[in-house]
N, C-alpha and C. Protein backbone atom coordinates (compact mmCIF):
# COMPACT_ATOMS: atom_id res chain seq x y z
N MET A 1 -9.65 7.65 -4.86
CA MET A 1 -9.39 6.76 -5.97
C MET A 1 -8.70 5.51 -5.45
N CYS A 2 -8.96 4.43 -6.08
CA CYS A 2 -8.35 3.16 -5.71
C CYS A 2 -6.83 3.24 -5.92
N ARG A 3 -6.09 2.84 -4.92
CA ARG A 3 -4.63 2.94 -5.02
C ARG A 3 -4.04 1.98 -6.04
N ASN A 4 -4.79 0.96 -6.44
CA ASN A 4 -4.28 0.00 -7.41
C ASN A 4 -4.40 0.48 -8.84
N ILE A 5 -5.13 1.55 -9.06
CA ILE A 5 -5.25 2.09 -10.41
C ILE A 5 -4.08 3.04 -10.63
N ARG A 6 -3.30 2.77 -11.63
CA ARG A 6 -2.10 3.55 -11.92
C ARG A 6 -2.35 4.55 -13.04
N VAL A 7 -1.57 5.60 -13.04
CA VAL A 7 -1.62 6.57 -14.14
C VAL A 7 -1.15 5.86 -15.40
N LEU A 8 -1.89 6.02 -16.48
CA LEU A 8 -1.56 5.35 -17.73
C LEU A 8 -1.17 6.32 -18.84
N HIS A 9 -1.41 7.59 -18.63
CA HIS A 9 -1.18 8.59 -19.66
C HIS A 9 0.27 9.07 -19.68
N ASN A 10 0.78 9.29 -20.87
CA ASN A 10 2.07 9.92 -21.13
C ASN A 10 3.26 9.08 -20.67
N PHE A 11 3.23 7.80 -21.00
CA PHE A 11 4.37 6.93 -20.75
C PHE A 11 4.93 6.44 -22.08
N GLU A 12 6.21 6.14 -22.07
CA GLU A 12 6.85 5.57 -23.23
C GLU A 12 7.46 4.25 -22.81
N PRO A 13 7.05 3.12 -23.34
CA PRO A 13 6.01 2.95 -24.35
C PRO A 13 4.61 3.19 -23.76
N PRO A 14 3.64 3.43 -24.64
CA PRO A 14 2.28 3.71 -24.17
C PRO A 14 1.71 2.52 -23.37
N ALA A 15 0.67 2.81 -22.61
CA ALA A 15 0.00 1.77 -21.83
C ALA A 15 -0.46 0.63 -22.73
N THR A 16 -0.30 -0.57 -22.24
CA THR A 16 -0.73 -1.75 -23.00
C THR A 16 -2.21 -1.99 -22.77
N SER A 17 -2.80 -2.82 -23.60
CA SER A 17 -4.21 -3.16 -23.41
C SER A 17 -4.40 -3.91 -22.09
N ALA A 18 -3.40 -4.67 -21.66
CA ALA A 18 -3.49 -5.37 -20.37
C ALA A 18 -3.53 -4.37 -19.21
N GLU A 19 -2.75 -3.30 -19.30
CA GLU A 19 -2.77 -2.28 -18.25
C GLU A 19 -4.11 -1.55 -18.22
N VAL A 20 -4.66 -1.26 -19.39
CA VAL A 20 -5.96 -0.60 -19.47
C VAL A 20 -7.03 -1.52 -18.90
N GLN A 21 -6.97 -2.80 -19.25
CA GLN A 21 -7.94 -3.79 -18.75
C GLN A 21 -7.85 -3.91 -17.23
N ALA A 22 -6.63 -3.94 -16.69
CA ALA A 22 -6.45 -4.06 -15.24
C ALA A 22 -7.01 -2.85 -14.52
N ALA A 23 -6.80 -1.66 -15.07
CA ALA A 23 -7.34 -0.45 -14.47
C ALA A 23 -8.87 -0.47 -14.50
N ALA A 24 -9.43 -0.92 -15.61
CA ALA A 24 -10.89 -1.01 -15.73
C ALA A 24 -11.45 -2.00 -14.71
N LEU A 25 -10.80 -3.13 -14.55
CA LEU A 25 -11.24 -4.13 -13.58
C LEU A 25 -11.20 -3.56 -12.17
N GLN A 26 -10.13 -2.87 -11.81
CA GLN A 26 -10.03 -2.28 -10.48
C GLN A 26 -11.12 -1.24 -10.26
N TYR A 27 -11.40 -0.44 -11.28
CA TYR A 27 -12.44 0.58 -11.17
C TYR A 27 -13.80 -0.07 -10.92
N VAL A 28 -14.14 -1.08 -11.72
CA VAL A 28 -15.44 -1.73 -11.58
C VAL A 28 -15.54 -2.45 -10.23
N ARG A 29 -14.45 -3.06 -9.79
CA ARG A 29 -14.46 -3.69 -8.47
C ARG A 29 -14.74 -2.67 -7.38
N LYS A 30 -14.10 -1.51 -7.48
CA LYS A 30 -14.27 -0.46 -6.48
C LYS A 30 -15.70 0.06 -6.48
N VAL A 31 -16.21 0.37 -7.65
CA VAL A 31 -17.55 0.94 -7.76
C VAL A 31 -18.62 -0.06 -7.33
N SER A 32 -18.44 -1.33 -7.70
CA SER A 32 -19.45 -2.35 -7.38
C SER A 32 -19.32 -2.85 -5.94
N GLY A 33 -18.14 -2.66 -5.34
CA GLY A 33 -17.93 -3.17 -4.00
C GLY A 33 -17.72 -4.67 -3.96
N SER A 34 -17.35 -5.22 -5.11
CA SER A 34 -17.20 -6.68 -5.20
C SER A 34 -15.96 -7.03 -6.01
N THR A 35 -15.13 -7.91 -5.47
CA THR A 35 -13.96 -8.35 -6.23
C THR A 35 -14.31 -9.48 -7.17
N LYS A 36 -15.32 -10.26 -6.80
CA LYS A 36 -15.79 -11.35 -7.66
C LYS A 36 -17.30 -11.36 -7.57
N PRO A 37 -17.95 -11.00 -8.66
CA PRO A 37 -19.41 -10.92 -8.62
C PRO A 37 -20.05 -12.31 -8.52
N SER A 38 -21.26 -12.32 -8.05
CA SER A 38 -22.02 -13.57 -8.02
C SER A 38 -22.33 -13.99 -9.45
N ALA A 39 -22.72 -15.23 -9.63
CA ALA A 39 -23.01 -15.75 -10.97
C ALA A 39 -24.09 -14.93 -11.67
N VAL A 40 -25.08 -14.47 -10.90
CA VAL A 40 -26.17 -13.70 -11.50
C VAL A 40 -25.69 -12.32 -11.97
N ASN A 41 -24.62 -11.79 -11.36
CA ASN A 41 -24.12 -10.47 -11.73
C ASN A 41 -22.87 -10.51 -12.62
N ALA A 42 -22.37 -11.68 -12.91
CA ALA A 42 -21.12 -11.81 -13.65
C ALA A 42 -21.18 -11.16 -15.03
N GLU A 43 -22.27 -11.34 -15.74
CA GLU A 43 -22.38 -10.77 -17.08
C GLU A 43 -22.35 -9.25 -17.04
N ALA A 44 -23.10 -8.66 -16.14
CA ALA A 44 -23.12 -7.19 -16.01
C ALA A 44 -21.75 -6.68 -15.59
N PHE A 45 -21.09 -7.38 -14.68
CA PHE A 45 -19.76 -7.00 -14.20
C PHE A 45 -18.76 -7.04 -15.34
N ASP A 46 -18.75 -8.15 -16.09
CA ASP A 46 -17.81 -8.29 -17.21
C ASP A 46 -18.07 -7.26 -18.30
N ARG A 47 -19.33 -6.99 -18.57
CA ARG A 47 -19.68 -5.98 -19.58
C ARG A 47 -19.21 -4.60 -19.13
N ALA A 48 -19.37 -4.30 -17.85
CA ALA A 48 -18.92 -3.01 -17.33
C ALA A 48 -17.40 -2.87 -17.46
N VAL A 49 -16.67 -3.93 -17.16
CA VAL A 49 -15.21 -3.90 -17.29
C VAL A 49 -14.83 -3.60 -18.73
N GLN A 50 -15.47 -4.26 -19.69
CA GLN A 50 -15.16 -4.04 -21.10
C GLN A 50 -15.49 -2.61 -21.53
N GLU A 51 -16.63 -2.09 -21.09
CA GLU A 51 -17.03 -0.73 -21.45
C GLU A 51 -16.08 0.30 -20.85
N VAL A 52 -15.67 0.11 -19.60
CA VAL A 52 -14.74 1.03 -18.96
C VAL A 52 -13.38 0.95 -19.66
N ALA A 53 -12.95 -0.24 -20.04
CA ALA A 53 -11.67 -0.39 -20.74
C ALA A 53 -11.71 0.33 -22.09
N LEU A 54 -12.79 0.21 -22.81
CA LEU A 54 -12.92 0.90 -24.10
C LEU A 54 -12.91 2.41 -23.91
N ALA A 55 -13.66 2.90 -22.92
CA ALA A 55 -13.69 4.34 -22.65
C ALA A 55 -12.31 4.84 -22.23
N THR A 56 -11.61 4.04 -21.43
CA THR A 56 -10.27 4.42 -20.99
C THR A 56 -9.32 4.50 -22.17
N GLN A 57 -9.38 3.53 -23.06
CA GLN A 57 -8.49 3.53 -24.21
C GLN A 57 -8.79 4.73 -25.12
N ARG A 58 -10.08 5.03 -25.32
CA ARG A 58 -10.44 6.20 -26.12
C ARG A 58 -9.90 7.48 -25.49
N LEU A 59 -10.01 7.57 -24.18
CA LEU A 59 -9.49 8.74 -23.47
C LEU A 59 -7.99 8.86 -23.67
N LEU A 60 -7.26 7.78 -23.44
CA LEU A 60 -5.80 7.82 -23.59
C LEU A 60 -5.40 8.18 -25.01
N ASP A 61 -6.13 7.67 -25.98
CA ASP A 61 -5.83 7.98 -27.39
C ASP A 61 -6.09 9.44 -27.73
N ALA A 62 -7.03 10.07 -27.03
CA ALA A 62 -7.42 11.44 -27.35
C ALA A 62 -6.62 12.50 -26.58
N LEU A 63 -6.01 12.11 -25.47
CA LEU A 63 -5.28 13.08 -24.65
C LEU A 63 -4.04 13.59 -25.39
N VAL A 64 -3.78 14.89 -25.24
CA VAL A 64 -2.63 15.54 -25.86
C VAL A 64 -1.83 16.22 -24.76
N THR A 65 -0.51 16.14 -24.86
CA THR A 65 0.34 16.80 -23.88
C THR A 65 1.62 17.28 -24.55
N THR A 66 2.18 18.32 -24.01
CA THR A 66 3.47 18.80 -24.50
C THR A 66 4.61 18.32 -23.60
N ALA A 67 4.25 17.69 -22.48
CA ALA A 67 5.26 17.19 -21.55
C ALA A 67 5.97 15.97 -22.16
N PRO A 68 7.23 15.81 -21.85
CA PRO A 68 7.93 14.63 -22.36
C PRO A 68 7.37 13.37 -21.72
N PRO A 69 7.37 12.24 -22.44
CA PRO A 69 6.86 10.99 -21.87
C PRO A 69 7.65 10.58 -20.64
N LYS A 70 6.95 9.95 -19.69
CA LYS A 70 7.59 9.47 -18.47
C LYS A 70 8.11 8.05 -18.69
N ASP A 71 9.09 7.69 -17.88
CA ASP A 71 9.67 6.36 -17.89
C ASP A 71 9.08 5.58 -16.72
N ARG A 72 8.54 4.41 -16.98
CA ARG A 72 7.90 3.62 -15.92
C ARG A 72 8.86 3.28 -14.79
N GLU A 73 10.08 2.93 -15.13
CA GLU A 73 11.05 2.53 -14.11
C GLU A 73 11.42 3.72 -13.21
N VAL A 74 11.58 4.89 -13.80
CA VAL A 74 11.89 6.10 -13.02
C VAL A 74 10.71 6.44 -12.10
N GLU A 75 9.50 6.38 -12.62
CA GLU A 75 8.31 6.68 -11.82
C GLU A 75 8.13 5.67 -10.70
N ALA A 76 8.43 4.40 -10.97
CA ALA A 76 8.33 3.37 -9.93
C ALA A 76 9.35 3.62 -8.82
N ALA A 77 10.54 4.04 -9.19
CA ALA A 77 11.57 4.35 -8.19
C ALA A 77 11.14 5.54 -7.33
N LYS A 78 10.54 6.55 -7.95
CA LYS A 78 10.04 7.70 -7.19
C LYS A 78 8.95 7.27 -6.21
N ALA A 79 8.05 6.42 -6.67
CA ALA A 79 6.97 5.94 -5.80
C ALA A 79 7.53 5.13 -4.64
N LYS A 80 8.52 4.32 -4.91
CA LYS A 80 9.14 3.53 -3.85
C LYS A 80 9.80 4.43 -2.82
N ALA A 81 10.48 5.48 -3.28
CA ALA A 81 11.12 6.42 -2.37
C ALA A 81 10.08 7.15 -1.52
N ARG A 82 8.95 7.53 -2.13
CA ARG A 82 7.87 8.19 -1.37
C ARG A 82 7.32 7.24 -0.31
N ALA A 83 7.14 5.97 -0.68
CA ALA A 83 6.61 4.98 0.27
C ALA A 83 7.58 4.77 1.42
N GLU A 84 8.87 4.70 1.11
CA GLU A 84 9.86 4.52 2.17
C GLU A 84 9.85 5.70 3.13
N GLN A 85 9.72 6.89 2.58
CA GLN A 85 9.68 8.08 3.43
C GLN A 85 8.40 8.10 4.27
N ARG A 86 7.29 7.74 3.65
CA ARG A 86 6.00 7.77 4.33
C ARG A 86 5.88 6.68 5.39
N TYR A 87 6.27 5.46 5.04
CA TYR A 87 6.05 4.33 5.92
C TYR A 87 7.31 3.85 6.64
N GLY A 88 8.46 4.42 6.28
CA GLY A 88 9.70 4.06 6.95
C GLY A 88 10.13 2.64 6.73
N THR A 89 9.85 2.10 5.55
CA THR A 89 10.24 0.71 5.26
C THR A 89 11.61 0.62 4.68
């Protein structure tokens, strides 16, 4: 999975539409192998991003969990600590 795509489920506050859109864009970039499509492919690329964003939002809206919501700042600190341990930065 692309490392730039972040977990969006079970956060308080919930994922924003901008976060969903960014994840969709990263997914389509990864699958297509292109960060910026050619002019001839731009429409298909943009349509795919919108469709993936809609499917992602539907998925997030439908998911159910009994786990308490996560805090973005706490999760970011954990990720930073893992990176420091892994890469020694």
